[in-house]
Amino acid sequence: MDVNAARSCTLGIDLGTTAIKVAAFSSDTNDELLSLVSRPANLRRAADGAAELDPHEQYSALLDALAEVVDVIHSRGYSVARIGISSAMHSLLGVTEDGAPLTPVMTWADLRAQADAQALW
């Protein structure tokens, strides 16, 4: 093995309704936690049952957390070999034809359709 070669790590990304978390683990046998960064998700709730996230805030928070983790791992001589992503349960986001957000993210916790869902049962 080339001692000058970067060691590899795995990134785990969790896009939750309470926080966005990015973690980096070494890929060698000890699976050491190299870095863990969390940013609040800022779930907005309203009296009508809304439970929404701003997609632009979420994206910005994710990029910020990723940049912080990557800075740490690069400073320690690691490169990213794998990425795993987990996201909040069922969510709905209206987008344009090219994928740009049109609406807030309506999360699994949004209750506005509760009466309609009950009527369907």
PDB file of N, CA and C in Angstrom:
ATOM      1  N   MET A   1       0.833  -1.179   0.000  1.00  0.00           N
ATOM      2  CA  MET A   1       0.000   0.000   0.000  1.00  0.00           C
ATOM      3  C   MET A   1       0.880   1.245   0.000  1.00  0.00           C
ATOM      4  N   ASP A   2       0.529   2.212  -0.802  1.00  0.00           N
ATOM      5  CA  ASP A   2       1.256   3.477  -0.873  1.00  0.00           C
ATOM      6  C   ASP A   2       0.948   4.290   0.378  1.00  0.00           C
ATOM      7  N   VAL A   3       1.962   4.597   1.189  1.00  0.00           N
ATOM      8  CA  VAL A   3       1.739   5.346   2.428  1.00  0.00           C
ATOM      9  C   VAL A   3       1.291   6.776   2.158  1.00  0.00           C
ATOM     10  N   ASN A   4       1.499   7.269   0.941  1.00  0.00           N
ATOM     11  CA  ASN A   4       1.060   8.618   0.595  1.00  0.00           C
ATOM     12  C   ASN A   4      -0.389   8.643   0.083  1.00  0.00           C
ATOM     13  N   ALA A   5      -0.932   7.483  -0.186  1.00  0.00           N
ATOM     14  CA  ALA A   5      -2.308   7.422  -0.686  1.00  0.00           C
ATOM     15  C   ALA A   5      -3.279   7.767   0.430  1.00  0.00           C
ATOM     16  N   ALA A   6      -4.343   8.447   0.073  1.00  0.00           N
ATOM     17  CA  ALA A   6      -5.366   8.811   1.057  1.00  0.00           C
ATOM     18  C   ALA A   6      -6.090   7.556   1.524  1.00  0.00           C
ATOM     19  N   ARG A   7      -6.373   7.528   2.798  1.00  0.00           N
ATOM     20  CA  ARG A   7      -7.176   6.440   3.338  1.00  0.00           C
ATOM     21  C   ARG A   7      -8.633   6.744   2.999  1.00  0.00           C
ATOM     22  N   SER A   8      -9.441   5.704   2.871  1.00  0.00           N
ATOM     23  CA  SER A   8     -10.824   5.940   2.469  1.00  0.00           C
ATOM     24  C   SER A   8     -11.764   5.910   3.667  1.00  0.00           C
ATOM     25  N   CYS A   9     -12.908   6.568   3.467  1.00  0.00           N
ATOM     26  CA  CYS A   9     -13.930   6.572   4.500  1.00  0.00           C
ATOM     27  C   CYS A   9     -15.311   6.505   3.850  1.00  0.00           C
ATOM     28  N   THR A  10     -16.282   6.270   4.672  1.00  0.00           N
ATOM     29  CA  THR A  10     -17.684   6.206   4.252  1.00  0.00           C
ATOM     30  C   THR A  10     -18.429   7.361   4.893  1.00  0.00           C
ATOM     31  N   LEU A  11     -19.224   8.067   4.104  1.00  0.00           N
ATOM     32  CA  LEU A  11     -20.087   9.114   4.633  1.00  0.00           C
ATOM     33  C   LEU A  11     -21.493   8.569   4.806  1.00  0.00           C
ATOM     34  N   GLY A  12     -22.105   8.905   5.918  1.00  0.00           N
ATOM     35  CA  GLY A  12     -23.508   8.609   6.153  1.00  0.00           C
ATOM     36  C   GLY A  12     -24.246   9.926   6.253  1.00  0.00           C
ATOM     37  N   ILE A  13     -25.315  10.074   5.481  1.00  0.00           N
ATOM     38  CA  ILE A  13     -26.110  11.302   5.480  1.00  0.00           C
ATOM     39  C   ILE A  13     -27.522  10.947   5.906  1.00  0.00           C
ATOM     40  N   ASP A  14     -28.012  11.640   6.927  1.00  0.00           N
ATOM     41  CA  ASP A  14     -29.382  11.435   7.410  1.00  0.00           C
ATOM     42  C   ASP A  14     -30.142  12.744   7.256  1.00  0.00           C
ATOM     43  N   LEU A  15     -31.133  12.741   6.372  1.00  0.00           N
ATOM     44  CA  LEU A  15     -31.973  13.912   6.135  1.00  0.00           C
ATOM     45  C   LEU A  15     -33.263  13.721   6.919  1.00  0.00           C
ATOM     46  N   GLY A  16     -33.263  14.153   8.169  1.00  0.00           N
ATOM     47  CA  GLY A  16     -34.402  13.939   9.044  1.00  0.00           C
ATOM     48  C   GLY A  16     -35.293  15.161   9.159  1.00  0.00           C
ATOM     49  N   THR A  17     -36.371  15.002   9.892  1.00  0.00           N
ATOM     50  CA  THR A  17     -37.286  16.123  10.098  1.00  0.00           C
ATOM     51  C   THR A  17     -36.884  16.985  11.282  1.00  0.00           C
ATOM     52  N   THR A  18     -35.973  16.511  12.115  1.00  0.00           N
ATOM     53  CA  THR A  18     -35.480  17.335  13.221  1.00  0.00           C
ATOM     54  C   THR A  18     -34.057  17.822  12.985  1.00  0.00           C
ATOM     55  N   ALA A  19     -33.281  17.072  12.202  1.00  0.00           N
ATOM     56  CA  ALA A  19     -31.896  17.459  11.941  1.00  0.00           C
ATOM     57  C   ALA A  19     -31.381  16.801  10.675  1.00  0.00           C
ATOM     58  N   ILE A  20     -30.365  17.432  10.116  1.00  0.00           N
ATOM     59  CA  ILE A  20     -29.585  16.859   9.028  1.00  0.00           C
ATOM     60  C   ILE A  20     -28.253  16.476   9.646  1.00  0.00           C
ATOM     61  N   LYS A  21     -27.877  15.212   9.489  1.00  0.00           N
ATOM     62  CA  LYS A  21     -26.636  14.744  10.088  1.00  0.00           C
ATOM     63  C   LYS A  21     -25.740  14.150   9.008  1.00  0.00           C
ATOM     64  N   VAL A  22     -24.448  14.447   9.117  1.00  0.00           N
ATOM     65  CA  VAL A  22     -23.453  13.862   8.223  1.00  0.00           C
ATOM     66  C   VAL A  22     -22.358  13.281   9.103  1.00  0.00           C
ATOM     67  N   ALA A  23     -22.045  12.018   8.877  1.00  0.00           N
ATOM     68  CA  ALA A  23     -21.004  11.337   9.646  1.00  0.00           C
ATOM     69  C   ALA A  23     -20.011  10.700   8.687  1.00  0.00           C
ATOM     70  N   ALA A  24     -18.755  10.653   9.098  1.00  0.00           N
ATOM     71  CA  ALA A  24     -17.708   9.992   8.323  1.00  0.00           C
ATOM     72  C   ALA A  24     -17.064   8.925   9.202  1.00  0.00           C
ATOM     73  N   PHE A  25     -16.935   7.718   8.640  1.00  0.00           N
ATOM     74  CA  PHE A  25     -16.322   6.593   9.331  1.00  0.00           C
ATOM     75  C   PHE A  25     -15.161   6.076   8.500  1.00  0.00           C
ATOM     76  N   SER A  26     -14.068   5.760   9.160  1.00  0.00           N
ATOM     77  CA  SER A  26     -12.934   5.182   8.439  1.00  0.00           C
ATOM     78  C   SER A  26     -13.358   3.843   7.854  1.00  0.00           C
ATOM     79  N   SER A  27     -12.753   3.487   6.728  1.00  0.00           N
ATOM     80  CA  SER A  27     -13.121   2.238   6.058  1.00  0.00           C
ATOM     81  C   SER A  27     -12.217   1.081   6.444  1.00  0.00           C
ATOM     82  N   ASP A  28     -11.302   1.320   7.373  1.00  0.00           N
ATOM     83  CA  ASP A  28     -10.446   0.215   7.791  1.00  0.00           C
ATOM     84  C   ASP A  28     -11.185  -0.628   8.837  1.00  0.00           C
ATOM     85  N   THR A  29     -10.496  -1.506   9.474  1.00  0.00           N
ATOM     86  CA  THR A  29     -11.157  -2.476  10.349  1.00  0.00           C
ATOM     87  C   THR A  29     -11.756  -1.885  11.621  1.00  0.00           C
ATOM     88  N   ASN A  30     -11.340  -0.691  12.040  1.00  0.00           N
ATOM     89  CA  ASN A  30     -11.885  -0.170  13.295  1.00  0.00           C
ATOM     90  C   ASN A  30     -13.109   0.729  13.112  1.00  0.00           C
ATOM     91  N   ASP A  31     -13.459   1.078  11.873  1.00  0.00           N
ATOM     92  CA  ASP A  31     -14.644   1.905  11.593  1.00  0.00           C
ATOM     93  C   ASP A  31     -14.736   3.112  12.525  1.00  0.00           C
ATOM     94  N   GLU A  32     -13.624   3.800  12.709  1.00  0.00           N
ATOM     95  CA  GLU A  32     -13.562   4.955  13.599  1.00  0.00           C
ATOM     96  C   GLU A  32     -14.455   6.087  13.092  1.00  0.00           C
ATOM     97  N   LEU A  33     -15.190   6.709  14.014  1.00  0.00           N
ATOM     98  CA  LEU A  33     -15.959   7.902  13.676  1.00  0.00           C
ATOM     99  C   LEU A  33     -14.968   9.046  13.514  1.00  0.00           C
ATOM    100  N   LEU A  34     -14.873   9.577  12.302  1.00  0.00           N
ATOM    101  CA  LEU A  34     -13.917  10.633  12.004  1.00  0.00           C
ATOM    102  C   LEU A  34     -14.513  12.022  12.209  1.00  0.00           C
ATOM    103  N   SER A  35     -15.790  12.158  11.924  1.00  0.00           N
ATOM    104  CA  SER A  35     -16.448  13.453  12.051  1.00  0.00           C
ATOM    105  C   SER A  35     -17.955  13.238  12.074  1.00  0.00           C
ATOM    106  N   LEU A  36     -18.640  14.066  12.855  1.00  0.00           N
ATOM    107  CA  LEU A  36     -20.102  14.042  12.910  1.00  0.00           C
ATOM    108  C   LEU A  36     -20.580  15.484  13.027  1.00  0.00           C
ATOM    109  N   VAL A  37     -21.418  15.896  12.091  1.00  0.00           N
ATOM    110  CA  VAL A  37     -21.950  17.253  12.067  1.00  0.00           C
ATOM    111  C   VAL A  37     -23.460  17.173  11.964  1.00  0.00           C
ATOM    112  N   SER A  38     -24.140  18.023  12.723  1.00  0.00           N
ATOM    113  CA  SER A  38     -25.598  18.066  12.709  1.00  0.00           C
ATOM    114  C   SER A  38     -26.052  19.502  12.526  1.00  0.00           C
ATOM    115  N   ARG A  39     -27.072  19.677  11.724  1.00  0.00           N
ATOM    116  CA  ARG A  39     -27.691  20.986  11.521  1.00  0.00           C
ATOM    117  C   ARG A  39     -29.195  20.836  11.752  1.00  0.00           C
ATOM    118  N   PRO A  40     -29.838  21.804  12.413  1.00  0.00           N
ATOM    119  CA  PRO A  40     -31.278  21.689  12.651  1.00  0.00           C
ATOM    120  C   PRO A  40     -32.059  21.711  11.342  1.00  0.00           C
ATOM    121  N   ALA A  41     -33.163  20.971  11.325  1.00  0.00           N
ATOM    122  CA  ALA A  41     -33.992  20.900  10.121  1.00  0.00           C
ATOM    123  C   ALA A  41     -35.058  21.990  10.088  1.00  0.00           C
ATOM    124  N   ASN A  42     -35.361  22.616  11.217  1.00  0.00           N
ATOM    125  CA  ASN A  42     -36.334  23.707  11.285  1.00  0.00           C
ATOM    126  C   ASN A  42     -37.712  23.329  10.737  1.00  0.00           C
ATOM    127  N   LEU A  43     -38.255  22.256  11.258  1.00  0.00           N
ATOM    128  CA  LEU A  43     -39.602  21.826  10.882  1.00  0.00           C
ATOM    129  C   LEU A  43     -40.591  22.900  11.313  1.00  0.00           C
ATOM    130  N   ARG A  44     -41.365  23.389  10.353  1.00  0.00           N
ATOM    131  CA  ARG A  44     -42.357  24.420  10.640  1.00  0.00           C
ATOM    132  C   ARG A  44     -43.719  23.755  10.808  1.00  0.00           C
ATOM    133  N   ARG A  45     -44.327  24.013  11.945  1.00  0.00           N
ATOM    134  CA  ARG A  45     -45.678  23.499  12.227  1.00  0.00           C
ATOM    135  C   ARG A  45     -46.641  24.669  12.275  1.00  0.00           C
ATOM    136  N   ALA A  46     -47.890  24.408  11.887  1.00  0.00           N
ATOM    137  CA  ALA A  46     -48.922  25.443  11.904  1.00  0.00           C
ATOM    138  C   ALA A  46     -50.198  24.872  12.511  1.00  0.00           C
ATOM    139  N   ALA A  47     -51.078  25.766  12.929  1.00  0.00           N
ATOM    140  CA  ALA A  47     -52.323  25.366  13.584  1.00  0.00           C
ATOM    141  C   ALA A  47     -53.193  24.482  12.690  1.00  0.00           C
ATOM    142  N   ASP A  48     -53.061  24.609  11.382  1.00  0.00           N
ATOM    143  CA  ASP A  48     -53.882  23.803  10.463  1.00  0.00           C
ATOM    144  C   ASP A  48     -53.346  22.381  10.289  1.00  0.00           C
ATOM    145  N   GLY A  49     -52.264  22.045  11.002  1.00  0.00           N
ATOM    146  CA  GLY A  49     -51.685  20.702  10.918  1.00  0.00           C
ATOM    147  C   GLY A  49     -50.475  20.602  10.015  1.00  0.00           C
ATOM    148  N   ALA A  50     -50.083  21.700   9.398  1.00  0.00           N
ATOM    149  CA  ALA A  50     -48.921  21.680   8.510  1.00  0.00           C
ATOM    150  C   ALA A  50     -47.658  21.303   9.288  1.00  0.00           C
ATOM    151  N   ALA A  51     -46.817  20.535   8.639  1.00  0.00           N
ATOM    152  CA  ALA A  51     -45.487  20.187   9.162  1.00  0.00           C
ATOM    153  C   ALA A  51     -44.557  20.173   7.957  1.00  0.00           C
ATOM    154  N   GLU A  52     -43.916  21.316   7.704  1.00  0.00           N
ATOM    155  CA  GLU A  52     -43.168  21.517   6.473  1.00  0.00           C
ATOM    156  C   GLU A  52     -41.719  21.906   6.728  1.00  0.00           C
ATOM    157  N   LEU A  53     -40.919  21.629   5.719  1.00  0.00           N
ATOM    158  CA  LEU A  53     -39.518  22.042   5.695  1.00  0.00           C
ATOM    159  C   LEU A  53     -39.293  22.907   4.465  1.00  0.00           C
ATOM    160  N   ASP A  54     -38.411  23.878   4.582  1.00  0.00           N
ATOM    161  CA  ASP A  54     -38.048  24.699   3.436  1.00  0.00           C
ATOM    162  C   ASP A  54     -36.959  23.954   2.655  1.00  0.00           C
ATOM    163  N   PRO A  55     -37.213  23.585   1.392  1.00  0.00           N
ATOM    164  CA  PRO A  55     -36.220  22.793   0.652  1.00  0.00           C
ATOM    165  C   PRO A  55     -34.906  23.540   0.433  1.00  0.00           C
ATOM    166  N   HIS A  56     -34.959  24.854   0.303  1.00  0.00           N
ATOM    167  CA  HIS A  56     -33.730  25.631   0.110  1.00  0.00           C
ATOM    168  C   HIS A  56     -32.896  25.655   1.389  1.00  0.00           C
ATOM    169  N   GLU A  57     -33.562  25.809   2.553  1.00  0.00           N
ATOM    170  CA  GLU A  57     -32.852  25.753   3.836  1.00  0.00           C
ATOM    171  C   GLU A  57     -32.227  24.383   4.042  1.00  0.00           C
ATOM    172  N   GLN A  58     -32.974  23.334   3.695  1.00  0.00           N
ATOM    173  CA  GLN A  58     -32.481  21.973   3.869  1.00  0.00           C
ATOM    174  C   GLN A  58     -31.235  21.740   3.015  1.00  0.00           C
ATOM    175  N   TYR A  59     -31.304  22.173   1.775  1.00  0.00           N
ATOM    176  CA  TYR A  59     -30.182  21.987   0.860  1.00  0.00           C
ATOM    177  C   TYR A  59     -28.951  22.738   1.348  1.00  0.00           C
ATOM    178  N   SER A  60     -29.154  23.971   1.775  1.00  0.00           N
ATOM    179  CA  SER A  60     -28.056  24.782   2.290  1.00  0.00           C
ATOM    180  C   SER A  60     -27.433  24.149   3.540  1.00  0.00           C
ATOM    181  N   ALA A  61     -28.285  23.663   4.453  1.00  0.00           N
ATOM    182  CA  ALA A  61     -27.790  23.018   5.671  1.00  0.00           C
ATOM    183  C   ALA A  61     -27.009  21.748   5.331  1.00  0.00           C
ATOM    184  N   LEU A  62     -27.493  20.990   4.356  1.00  0.00           N
ATOM    185  CA  LEU A  62     -26.787  19.775   3.943  1.00  0.00           C
ATOM    186  C   LEU A  62     -25.412  20.117   3.372  1.00  0.00           C
ATOM    187  N   LEU A  63     -25.362  21.093   2.475  1.00  0.00           N
ATOM    188  CA  LEU A  63     -24.072  21.471   1.892  1.00  0.00           C
ATOM    189  C   LEU A  63     -23.101  21.968   2.949  1.00  0.00           C
ATOM    190  N   ASP A  64     -23.603  22.739   3.906  1.00  0.00           N
ATOM    191  CA  ASP A  64     -22.777  23.253   4.991  1.00  0.00           C
ATOM    192  C   ASP A  64     -22.202  22.105   5.834  1.00  0.00           C
ATOM    193  N   ALA A  65     -23.061  21.160   6.200  1.00  0.00           N
ATOM    194  CA  ALA A  65     -22.615  20.014   7.007  1.00  0.00           C
ATOM    195  C   ALA A  65     -21.632  19.149   6.229  1.00  0.00           C
ATOM    196  N   LEU A  66     -21.921  18.906   4.952  1.00  0.00           N
ATOM    197  CA  LEU A  66     -21.007  18.118   4.125  1.00  0.00           C
ATOM    198  C   LEU A  66     -19.635  18.780   4.022  1.00  0.00           C
ATOM    199  N   ALA A  67     -19.626  20.087   3.789  1.00  0.00           N
ATOM    200  CA  ALA A  67     -18.354  20.801   3.663  1.00  0.00           C
ATOM    201  C   ALA A  67     -17.538  20.695   4.948  1.00  0.00           C
ATOM    202  N   GLU A  68     -18.205  20.813   6.082  1.00  0.00           N
ATOM    203  CA  GLU A  68     -17.491  20.723   7.357  1.00  0.00           C
ATOM    204  C   GLU A  68     -16.885  19.335   7.563  1.00  0.00           C
ATOM    205  N   VAL A  69     -17.656  18.303   7.263  1.00  0.00           N
ATOM    206  CA  VAL A  69     -17.155  16.931   7.415  1.00  0.00           C
ATOM    207  C   VAL A  69     -16.007  16.672   6.439  1.00  0.00           C
ATOM    208  N   VAL A  70     -16.161  17.082   5.200  1.00  0.00           N
ATOM    209  CA  VAL A  70     -15.111  16.852   4.195  1.00  0.00           C
ATOM    210  C   VAL A  70     -13.825  17.584   4.573  1.00  0.00           C
ATOM    211  N   ASP A  71     -13.936  18.781   5.099  1.00  0.00           N
ATOM    212  CA  ASP A  71     -12.738  19.495   5.565  1.00  0.00           C
ATOM    213  C   ASP A  71     -12.003  18.690   6.631  1.00  0.00           C
ATOM    214  N   VAL A  72     -12.747  18.131   7.570  1.00  0.00           N
ATOM    215  CA  VAL A  72     -12.139  17.343   8.645  1.00  0.00           C
ATOM    216  C   VAL A  72     -11.461  16.095   8.093  1.00  0.00           C
ATOM    217  N   ILE A  73     -12.173  15.357   7.248  1.00  0.00           N
ATOM    218  CA  ILE A  73     -11.580  14.098   6.768  1.00  0.00           C
ATOM    219  C   ILE A  73     -10.378  14.355   5.868  1.00  0.00           C
ATOM    220  N   HIS A  74     -10.456  15.389   5.042  1.00  0.00           N
ATOM    221  CA  HIS A  74      -9.291  15.703   4.197  1.00  0.00           C
ATOM    222  C   HIS A  74      -8.089  16.109   5.047  1.00  0.00           C
ATOM    223  N   SER A  75      -8.334  16.860   6.113  1.00  0.00           N
ATOM    224  CA  SER A  75      -7.222  17.274   6.987  1.00  0.00           C
ATOM    225  C   SER A  75      -6.594  16.075   7.690  1.00  0.00           C
ATOM    226  N   ARG A  76      -7.347  14.987   7.799  1.00  0.00           N
ATOM    227  CA  ARG A  76      -6.831  13.775   8.439  1.00  0.00           C
ATOM    228  C   ARG A  76      -6.313  12.757   7.428  1.00  0.00           C
ATOM    229  N   GLY A  77      -6.304  13.140   6.136  1.00  0.00           N
ATOM    230  CA  GLY A  77      -5.743  12.270   5.104  1.00  0.00           C
ATOM    231  C   GLY A  77      -6.699  11.252   4.534  1.00  0.00           C
ATOM    232  N   TYR A  78      -7.987  11.481   4.639  1.00  0.00           N
ATOM    233  CA  TYR A  78      -8.981  10.549   4.122  1.00  0.00           C
ATOM    234  C   TYR A  78      -9.652  11.096   2.867  1.00  0.00           C
ATOM    235  N   SER A  79     -10.121  10.187   2.039  1.00  0.00           N
ATOM    236  CA  SER A  79     -10.963  10.545   0.893  1.00  0.00           C
ATOM    237  C   SER A  79     -12.270   9.759   1.026  1.00  0.00           C
ATOM    238  N   VAL A  80     -13.304  10.239   0.380  1.00  0.00           N
ATOM    239  CA  VAL A  80     -14.617   9.583   0.447  1.00  0.00           C
ATOM    240  C   VAL A  80     -14.674   8.466  -0.581  1.00  0.00           C
ATOM    241  N   ALA A  81     -14.984   7.261  -0.124  1.00  0.00           N
ATOM    242  CA  ALA A  81     -15.110   6.108  -1.016  1.00  0.00           C
ATOM    243  C   ALA A  81     -16.571   5.720  -1.233  1.00  0.00           C
ATOM    244  N   ARG A  82     -17.401   5.944  -0.229  1.00  0.00           N
ATOM    245  CA  ARG A  82     -18.802   5.526  -0.297  1.00  0.00           C
ATOM    246  C   ARG A  82     -19.676   6.540   0.418  1.00  0.00           C
ATOM    247  N   ILE A  83     -20.935   6.631  -0.014  1.00  0.00           N
ATOM    248  CA  ILE A  83     -21.913   7.495   0.639  1.00  0.00           C
ATOM    249  C   ILE A  83     -23.213   6.718   0.787  1.00  0.00           C
ATOM    250  N   GLY A  84     -23.775   6.761   1.984  1.00  0.00           N
ATOM    251  CA  GLY A  84     -25.096   6.189   2.236  1.00  0.00           C
ATOM    252  C   GLY A  84     -26.034   7.312   2.651  1.00  0.00           C
ATOM    253  N   ILE A  85     -27.263   7.287   2.148  1.00  0.00           N
ATOM    254  CA  ILE A  85     -28.216   8.353   2.434  1.00  0.00           C
ATOM    255  C   ILE A  85     -29.500   7.766   2.994  1.00  0.00           C
ATOM    256  N   SER A  86     -29.970   8.381   4.064  1.00  0.00           N
ATOM    257  CA  SER A  86     -31.251   8.049   4.673  1.00  0.00           C
ATOM    258  C   SER A  86     -32.057   9.334   4.735  1.00  0.00           C
ATOM    259  N   SER A  87     -33.357   9.228   4.489  1.00  0.00           N
ATOM    260  CA  SER A  87     -34.174  10.445   4.547  1.00  0.00           C
ATOM    261  C   SER A  87     -35.409  10.213   5.392  1.00  0.00           C
ATOM    262  N   ALA A  88     -36.034  11.337   5.759  1.00  0.00           N
ATOM    263  CA  ALA A  88     -37.264  11.283   6.543  1.00  0.00           C
ATOM    264  C   ALA A  88     -38.289  10.422   5.802  1.00  0.00           C
ATOM    265  N   MET A  89     -39.160   9.846   6.555  1.00  0.00           N
ATOM    266  CA  MET A  89     -40.166   8.938   5.988  1.00  0.00           C
ATOM    267  C   MET A  89     -40.825   9.543   4.754  1.00  0.00           C
ATOM    268  N   HIS A  90     -42.096   9.438   4.653  1.00  0.00           N
ATOM    269  CA  HIS A  90     -42.831   9.889   3.478  1.00  0.00           C
ATOM    270  C   HIS A  90     -42.913  11.414   3.453  1.00  0.00           C
ATOM    271  N   SER A  91     -42.454  11.995   2.375  1.00  0.00           N
ATOM    272  CA  SER A  91     -42.505  13.441   2.203  1.00  0.00           C
ATOM    273  C   SER A  91     -42.953  13.738   0.777  1.00  0.00           C
ATOM    274  N   LEU A  92     -43.463  14.941   0.584  1.00  0.00           N
ATOM    275  CA  LEU A  92     -43.936  15.348  -0.734  1.00  0.00           C
ATOM    276  C   LEU A  92     -43.359  16.720  -1.043  1.00  0.00           C
ATOM    277  N   LEU A  93     -42.791  16.851  -2.232  1.00  0.00           N
ATOM    278  CA  LEU A  93     -42.215  18.112  -2.678  1.00  0.00           C
ATOM    279  C   LEU A  93     -42.615  18.325  -4.128  1.00  0.00           C
ATOM    280  N   GLY A  94     -43.325  19.420  -4.399  1.00  0.00           N
ATOM    281  CA  GLY A  94     -43.639  19.770  -5.774  1.00  0.00           C
ATOM    282  C   GLY A  94     -42.413  20.387  -6.422  1.00  0.00           C
ATOM    283  N   VAL A  95     -42.117  19.968  -7.661  1.00  0.00           N
ATOM    284  CA  VAL A  95     -40.944  20.472  -8.369  1.00  0.00           C
ATOM    285  C   VAL A  95     -41.320  20.888  -9.792  1.00  0.00           C
ATOM    286  N   THR A  96     -40.456  21.722 -10.372  1.00  0.00           N
ATOM    287  CA  THR A  96     -40.626  22.107 -11.762  1.00  0.00           C
ATOM    288  C   THR A  96     -40.160  20.975 -12.659  1.00  0.00           C
ATOM    289  N   GLU A  97     -40.329  21.154 -13.947  1.00  0.00           N
ATOM    290  CA  GLU A  97     -39.904  20.151 -14.920  1.00  0.00           C
ATOM    291  C   GLU A  97     -38.416  19.819 -14.801  1.00  0.00           C
ATOM    292  N   ASP A  98     -37.616  20.830 -14.403  1.00  0.00           N
ATOM    293  CA  ASP A  98     -36.175  20.589 -14.263  1.00  0.00           C
ATOM    294  C   ASP A  98     -35.756  20.245 -12.838  1.00  0.00           C
ATOM    295  N   GLY A  99     -36.720  20.011 -11.947  1.00  0.00           N
ATOM    296  CA  GLY A  99     -36.411  19.541 -10.597  1.00  0.00           C
ATOM    297  C   GLY A  99     -36.274  20.616  -9.535  1.00  0.00           C
ATOM    298  N   ALA A 100     -36.520  21.878  -9.875  1.00  0.00           N
ATOM    299  CA  ALA A 100     -36.424  22.957  -8.887  1.00  0.00           C
ATOM    300  C   ALA A 100     -37.651  22.923  -7.975  1.00  0.00           C
ATOM    301  N   PRO A 101     -37.494  23.152  -6.677  1.00  0.00           N
ATOM    302  CA  PRO A 101     -38.631  23.106  -5.748  1.00  0.00           C
ATOM    303  C   PRO A 101     -39.683  24.171  -6.059  1.00  0.00           C
ATOM    304  N   LEU A 102     -40.950  23.753  -6.014  1.00  0.00           N
ATOM    305  CA  LEU A 102     -42.084  24.662  -6.173  1.00  0.00           C
ATOM    306  C   LEU A 102     -42.822  24.884  -4.860  1.00  0.00           C
ATOM    307  N   THR A 103     -42.712  23.925  -3.969  1.00  0.00           N
ATOM    308  CA  THR A 103     -43.466  23.958  -2.718  1.00  0.00           C
ATOM    309  C   THR A 103     -42.527  23.681  -1.544  1.00  0.00           C
ATOM    310  N   PRO A 104     -43.001  23.935  -0.343  1.00  0.00           N
ATOM    311  CA  PRO A 104     -42.258  23.424   0.814  1.00  0.00           C
ATOM    312  C   PRO A 104     -42.305  21.889   0.803  1.00  0.00           C
ATOM    313  N   VAL A 105     -41.450  21.274   1.593  1.00  0.00           N
ATOM    314  CA  VAL A 105     -41.490  19.817   1.755  1.00  0.00           C
ATOM    315  C   VAL A 105     -42.596  19.510   2.771  1.00  0.00           C
ATOM    316  N   MET A 106     -43.622  18.812   2.323  1.00  0.00           N
ATOM    317  CA  MET A 106     -44.689  18.380   3.237  1.00  0.00           C
ATOM    318  C   MET A 106     -44.250  17.036   3.817  1.00  0.00           C
ATOM    319  N   THR A 107     -43.994  17.010   5.115  1.00  0.00           N
ATOM    320  CA  THR A 107     -43.417  15.823   5.750  1.00  0.00           C
ATOM    321  C   THR A 107     -44.478  14.820   6.170  1.00  0.00           C
ATOM    322  N   TRP A 108     -44.013  13.679   6.622  1.00  0.00           N
ATOM    323  CA  TRP A 108     -44.887  12.618   7.124  1.00  0.00           C
ATOM    324  C   TRP A 108     -45.718  13.099   8.302  1.00  0.00           C
ATOM    325  N   ALA A 109     -45.285  14.129   8.995  1.00  0.00           N
ATOM    326  CA  ALA A 109     -45.986  14.627  10.177  1.00  0.00           C
ATOM    327  C   ALA A 109     -47.092  15.635   9.834  1.00  0.00           C
ATOM    328  N   ASP A 110     -47.247  15.960   8.558  1.00  0.00           N
ATOM    329  CA  ASP A 110     -48.263  16.926   8.127  1.00  0.00           C
ATOM    330  C   ASP A 110     -49.646  16.282   8.248  1.00  0.00           C
ATOM    331  N   LEU A 111     -50.547  16.947   8.960  1.00  0.00           N
ATOM    332  CA  LEU A 111     -51.869  16.375   9.252  1.00  0.00           C
ATOM    333  C   LEU A 111     -52.998  16.993   8.447  1.00  0.00           C
ATOM    334  N   ARG A 112     -52.706  17.848   7.497  1.00  0.00           N
ATOM    335  CA  ARG A 112     -53.777  18.553   6.784  1.00  0.00           C
ATOM    336  C   ARG A 112     -54.690  17.644   5.994  1.00  0.00           C
ATOM    337  N   ALA A 113     -54.243  16.503   5.567  1.00  0.00           N
ATOM    338  CA  ALA A 113     -55.086  15.587   4.796  1.00  0.00           C
ATOM    339  C   ALA A 113     -55.710  14.507   5.672  1.00  0.00           C
ATOM    340  N   GLN A 114     -55.619  14.653   6.987  1.00  0.00           N
ATOM    341  CA  GLN A 114     -56.101  13.617   7.898  1.00  0.00           C
ATOM    342  C   GLN A 114     -57.580  13.293   7.686  1.00  0.00           C
ATOM    343  N   ALA A 115     -58.434  14.294   7.563  1.00  0.00           N
ATOM    344  CA  ALA A 115     -59.871  14.050   7.389  1.00  0.00           C
ATOM    345  C   ALA A 115     -60.131  13.354   6.047  1.00  0.00           C
ATOM    346  N   ASP A 116     -59.421  13.759   5.002  1.00  0.00           N
ATOM    347  CA  ASP A 116     -59.589  13.118   3.691  1.00  0.00           C
ATOM    348  C   ASP A 116     -59.129  11.673   3.738  1.00  0.00           C
ATOM    349  N   ALA A 117     -58.015  11.423   4.397  1.00  0.00           N
ATOM    350  CA  ALA A 117     -57.508  10.050   4.518  1.00  0.00           C
ATOM    351  C   ALA A 117     -58.488   9.185   5.286  1.00  0.00           C
ATOM    352  N   GLN A 118     -59.050   9.733   6.364  1.00  0.00           N
ATOM    353  CA  GLN A 118     -60.033   8.969   7.149  1.00  0.00           C
ATOM    354  C   GLN A 118     -61.265   8.662   6.315  1.00  0.00           C
ATOM    355  N   ALA A 119     -61.696   9.621   5.501  1.00  0.00           N
ATOM    356  CA  ALA A 119     -62.862   9.408   4.637  1.00  0.00           C
ATOM    357  C   ALA A 119     -62.606   8.295   3.609  1.00  0.00           C
ATOM    358  N   LEU A 120     -61.383   8.193   3.142  1.00  0.00           N
ATOM    359  CA  LEU A 120     -61.051   7.135   2.182  1.00  0.00           C
ATOM    360  C   LEU A 120     -61.097   5.742   2.818  1.00  0.00           C
ATOM    361  N   TRP A 121     -60.788   5.672   4.118  1.00  0.00           N
ATOM    362  CA  TRP A 121     -60.847   4.373   4.796  1.00  0.00           C
ATOM    363  C   TRP A 121     -62.264   3.909   4.904  1.00  0.00           C
TER     364      TRP A 121
END
